[in-house]
Amino acid sequence: MGQPESREAEHPQLPPGQRLQRGWPVTHYGPVPKFRPERWEFRAFGATADGDKHCWTHEEFAALPYTTVVADMHCVTKFSMLGAEWGGVRTATILELAPPAPEATHVMVWAEYGFSSNLRLEDFAAENCLFATHRSGELLTAEHGFPLRLIVPHLYAWKGPKWVRGIEYMTADRRGFWEERGYHNLGDPWREQRYSYQEEPGDGPEL
């Protein structure tokens, strides 16, 4: 477990209320799933452009173009990691290989045990957003999301689930796992959008 270093006053690149963290704490809900490569599959489904479901085995997904980005991670529990190097497959690559329908506006990211997180399509398509397999040149550990976790640097880290298994394109927004349990629907750390009671009109799905 890393130790907190200091608050945003000494580090102006930190969002409000965050502290700089040494190390990388393990935070997740529920058990760590066992990885079975022969059963693993990544799916892109829902409102796809061609109406079909697109699937990759673990071997096929690992063969997709690999890239690295240097990006921060901001956890809603108030720690931030700055300048981490992430390696993996850009979300833009999946959007190109399995494009959404023109009417798609949101993405639901699905992970093990039915965990989910919703994103606006433009957030999912951000330039430095990627499905990470590595950090600092090394494979992710199981506790940190191996074999695949989503990194969305400009949003709180719960928007980037561990143990991702697929994405669902949606034509209307709906809340994911933590969003249904009181977390903010958008999760912008610079606006300190932590909890649903902070939502303004238009931030959440229409009732």
Protein backbone atom coordinates (compact mmCIF):
# COMPACT_ATOMS: atom_id res chain seq x y z
CA MET A 1 0.00 0.00 0.00
CA GLY A 2 1.45 3.37 -1.00
CA GLN A 3 1.59 6.35 1.29
CA PRO A 4 -0.05 9.74 0.64
CA GLU A 5 2.51 12.44 -0.02
CA SER A 6 0.86 15.85 -0.14
CA ARG A 7 -2.18 17.85 -1.14
CA GLU A 8 -2.99 19.83 -4.25
CA ALA A 9 -1.52 23.07 -2.84
CA GLU A 10 1.99 21.71 -3.47
CA HIS A 11 0.97 20.02 -6.74
CA PRO A 12 -1.20 22.30 -8.88
CA GLN A 13 -1.69 19.51 -11.44
CA LEU A 14 -3.86 17.68 -8.91
CA PRO A 15 -7.65 18.05 -9.14
CA PRO A 16 -9.47 19.57 -6.14
CA GLY A 17 -9.45 17.44 -3.01
CA GLN A 18 -6.83 14.97 -4.30
CA ARG A 19 -3.47 14.03 -2.76
CA LEU A 20 -0.36 12.74 -4.48
CA GLN A 21 0.19 9.03 -3.87
CA ARG A 22 3.45 7.09 -3.70
CA GLY A 23 2.93 3.59 -5.04
CA TRP A 24 -0.30 2.16 -6.39
CA PRO A 25 -2.89 1.10 -3.82
CA VAL A 26 -5.15 -1.85 -4.62
CA THR A 27 -8.80 -0.81 -4.53
CA HIS A 28 -11.70 -2.85 -5.83
CA TYR A 29 -15.03 -4.33 -4.87
CA GLY A 30 -15.38 -8.09 -4.61
CA PRO A 31 -12.91 -10.91 -5.29
CA VAL A 32 -10.15 -11.00 -7.89
CA PRO A 33 -11.34 -13.16 -10.81
CA LYS A 34 -9.28 -16.08 -12.04
CA PHE A 35 -8.01 -15.57 -15.56
CA ARG A 36 -8.68 -18.44 -17.96
CA PRO A 37 -7.21 -17.45 -21.35
CA GLU A 38 -9.01 -20.22 -23.24
CA ARG A 39 -12.38 -18.84 -22.08
CA TRP A 40 -11.57 -15.14 -22.25
CA GLU A 41 -13.32 -13.08 -24.92
CA PHE A 42 -13.66 -9.35 -25.56
CA ARG A 43 -16.96 -8.29 -27.13
CA ALA A 44 -18.21 -5.11 -28.77
CA PHE A 45 -21.99 -5.27 -29.13
CA GLY A 46 -25.18 -3.26 -28.87
CA ALA A 47 -25.68 -0.37 -31.31
CA THR A 48 -22.84 -1.28 -33.67
CA ALA A 49 -22.71 0.22 -37.15
CA ASP A 50 -23.32 -3.15 -38.84
CA GLY A 51 -25.66 -4.52 -36.18
CA ASP A 52 -23.32 -7.43 -35.43
CA LYS A 53 -21.40 -8.46 -32.33
CA HIS A 54 -17.61 -8.30 -32.69
CA CYS A 55 -15.44 -10.67 -30.64
CA TRP A 56 -11.74 -11.18 -29.97
CA THR A 57 -10.09 -14.07 -28.17
CA HIS A 58 -7.30 -13.22 -25.76
CA GLU A 59 -4.72 -14.12 -28.39
CA GLU A 60 -6.46 -11.96 -31.01
CA PHE A 61 -6.83 -9.00 -28.65
CA ALA A 62 -3.16 -9.24 -27.66
CA ALA A 63 -2.25 -9.03 -31.36
CA LEU A 64 -3.99 -5.66 -31.82
CA PRO A 65 -1.75 -2.57 -32.21
CA TYR A 66 0.02 -1.81 -28.93
CA THR A 67 0.70 1.73 -27.79
CA THR A 68 1.77 3.57 -24.66
CA VAL A 69 0.46 6.76 -23.10
CA VAL A 70 1.66 8.73 -20.11
CA ALA A 71 -1.36 9.73 -18.08
CA ASP A 72 -2.55 10.41 -14.55
CA MET A 73 -4.99 8.37 -12.49
CA HIS A 74 -7.37 10.04 -10.04
CA CYS A 75 -9.25 7.81 -7.60
CA VAL A 76 -12.48 9.02 -6.01
CA THR A 77 -11.00 7.93 -2.66
CA LYS A 78 -8.81 11.04 -3.11
CA PHE A 79 -5.43 9.67 -4.16
CA SER A 80 -3.81 10.56 -7.48
CA MET A 81 -0.94 8.98 -9.41
CA LEU A 82 0.76 11.39 -11.81
CA GLY A 83 2.65 10.58 -15.00
CA ALA A 84 2.13 6.81 -15.07
CA GLU A 85 3.04 4.98 -18.28
CA TRP A 86 0.26 2.72 -19.54
CA GLY A 87 0.52 0.25 -22.40
CA GLY A 88 -2.26 -1.44 -24.29
CA VAL A 89 -4.84 -0.98 -27.03
CA ARG A 90 -6.35 2.42 -27.67
CA THR A 91 -10.10 2.66 -27.46
CA ALA A 92 -9.85 4.36 -30.85
CA THR A 93 -8.64 1.05 -32.29
CA ILE A 94 -11.78 -0.74 -31.11
CA LEU A 95 -13.93 2.12 -32.38
CA GLU A 96 -12.31 1.70 -35.80
CA LEU A 97 -12.58 -2.09 -35.91
CA ALA A 98 -16.09 -2.23 -34.46
CA PRO A 99 -17.59 1.22 -35.06
CA PRO A 100 -20.75 2.35 -33.29
CA ALA A 101 -23.95 3.18 -35.11
CA PRO A 102 -24.44 6.89 -35.90
CA GLU A 103 -27.13 7.13 -33.23
CA ALA A 104 -24.91 5.73 -30.46
CA THR A 105 -24.19 8.28 -27.73
CA HIS A 106 -22.80 6.25 -24.82
CA VAL A 107 -20.77 3.16 -24.00
CA MET A 108 -21.30 0.70 -21.17
CA VAL A 109 -18.03 -0.98 -20.26
CA TRP A 110 -18.62 -4.49 -18.94
CA ALA A 111 -16.25 -6.37 -16.66
CA GLU A 112 -16.12 -9.60 -14.67
CA TYR A 113 -18.97 -10.42 -12.26
CA GLY A 114 -21.34 -8.13 -14.17
CA PHE A 115 -19.55 -4.96 -13.08
CA SER A 116 -20.19 -2.03 -15.42
CA SER A 117 -19.42 1.65 -15.94
CA ASN A 118 -21.12 4.05 -18.33
CA LEU A 119 -19.30 6.67 -20.41
CA ARG A 120 -20.26 9.26 -22.94
CA LEU A 121 -18.97 8.18 -26.33
CA GLU A 122 -16.70 11.23 -26.56
CA ASP A 123 -15.10 10.33 -23.23
CA PHE A 124 -14.52 6.75 -24.35
CA ALA A 125 -12.99 8.00 -27.61
CA ALA A 126 -10.54 10.41 -25.95
CA GLU A 127 -7.03 10.33 -27.41
CA ASN A 128 -5.29 8.99 -24.29
CA CYS A 129 -8.00 6.49 -23.34
CA LEU A 130 -6.92 2.87 -23.71
CA PHE A 131 -7.47 -0.71 -22.63
CA ALA A 132 -4.36 -1.25 -20.55
CA THR A 133 -2.46 -4.50 -20.33
CA HIS A 134 0.78 -3.01 -18.94
CA ARG A 135 2.01 -0.32 -16.56
CA SER A 136 5.61 0.90 -16.69
CA GLY A 137 6.38 -1.80 -19.25
CA GLU A 138 5.22 -4.67 -17.05
CA LEU A 139 2.05 -6.74 -17.25
CA LEU A 140 -0.67 -5.66 -14.87
CA THR A 141 -1.05 -7.83 -11.82
CA ALA A 142 -4.34 -9.62 -11.24
CA GLU A 143 -5.11 -7.24 -8.34
CA HIS A 144 -4.66 -4.26 -10.65
CA GLY A 145 -6.88 -5.63 -13.39
CA PHE A 146 -4.99 -8.19 -15.47
CA PRO A 147 -5.59 -9.08 -18.21
CA LEU A 148 -7.36 -5.83 -19.16
CA ARG A 149 -8.48 -2.63 -17.52
CA LEU A 150 -9.75 0.61 -19.00
CA ILE A 151 -7.79 3.81 -18.40
CA VAL A 152 -9.77 7.07 -18.76
CA PRO A 153 -7.31 9.64 -17.40
CA HIS A 154 -9.61 12.67 -17.46
CA LEU A 155 -12.28 10.98 -15.30
CA TYR A 156 -12.25 9.39 -11.86
CA ALA A 157 -10.75 5.90 -11.93
CA TRP A 158 -14.01 4.04 -11.24
CA LYS A 159 -14.94 4.97 -14.82
CA GLY A 160 -12.13 2.66 -15.93
CA PRO A 161 -13.04 -0.81 -14.64
CA LYS A 162 -10.62 -3.65 -14.00
CA TRP A 163 -11.02 -7.07 -15.67
CA VAL A 164 -12.86 -5.67 -18.70
CA ARG A 165 -14.66 -8.13 -20.97
CA GLY A 166 -16.40 -5.89 -23.47
CA ILE A 167 -18.27 -2.74 -24.42
CA GLU A 168 -21.89 -2.10 -25.27
CA TYR A 169 -22.75 0.81 -27.55
CA MET A 170 -25.92 2.56 -26.38
CA THR A 171 -28.29 5.05 -27.96
CA ALA A 172 -29.27 6.43 -24.54
CA ASP A 173 -27.43 6.72 -21.25
CA ARG A 174 -27.97 4.42 -18.30
CA ARG A 175 -26.06 4.13 -15.05
CA GLY A 176 -23.38 1.56 -14.36
CA PHE A 177 -22.59 -0.30 -11.14
CA TRP A 178 -21.22 2.54 -9.00
CA GLU A 179 -23.41 5.15 -10.67
CA GLU A 180 -26.45 3.20 -9.45
CA ARG A 181 -24.98 3.24 -5.95
CA GLY A 182 -24.57 6.96 -5.49
CA TYR A 183 -21.55 7.94 -7.56
CA HIS A 184 -21.73 10.82 -10.03
CA ASN A 185 -22.85 9.88 -13.53
CA LEU A 186 -20.03 11.82 -15.25
CA GLY A 187 -17.11 11.70 -12.79
CA ASP A 188 -14.97 14.70 -13.80
CA PRO A 189 -12.27 15.09 -11.09
CA TRP A 190 -11.54 18.71 -12.04
CA ARG A 191 -15.16 19.56 -11.26
CA GLU A 192 -15.05 17.21 -8.24
CA GLN A 193 -18.05 15.25 -9.52
CA ARG A 194 -17.89 12.51 -6.90
CA TYR A 195 -21.49 11.77 -5.90
CA SER A 196 -24.91 11.67 -7.54
CA TYR A 197 -26.34 14.34 -5.24
CA GLN A 198 -23.97 16.79 -6.96
CA GLU A 199 -25.50 16.15 -10.37
CA GLU A 200 -27.02 19.01 -12.28
CA PRO A 201 -29.80 18.74 -14.88
CA GLY A 202 -28.48 16.90 -17.90
CA ASP A 203 -25.67 15.12 -16.04
CA GLY A 204 -27.60 11.86 -15.66
CA PRO A 205 -29.91 9.66 -17.73
CA GLU A 206 -33.42 10.85 -18.33
CA LEU A 207 -35.87 9.20 -15.96
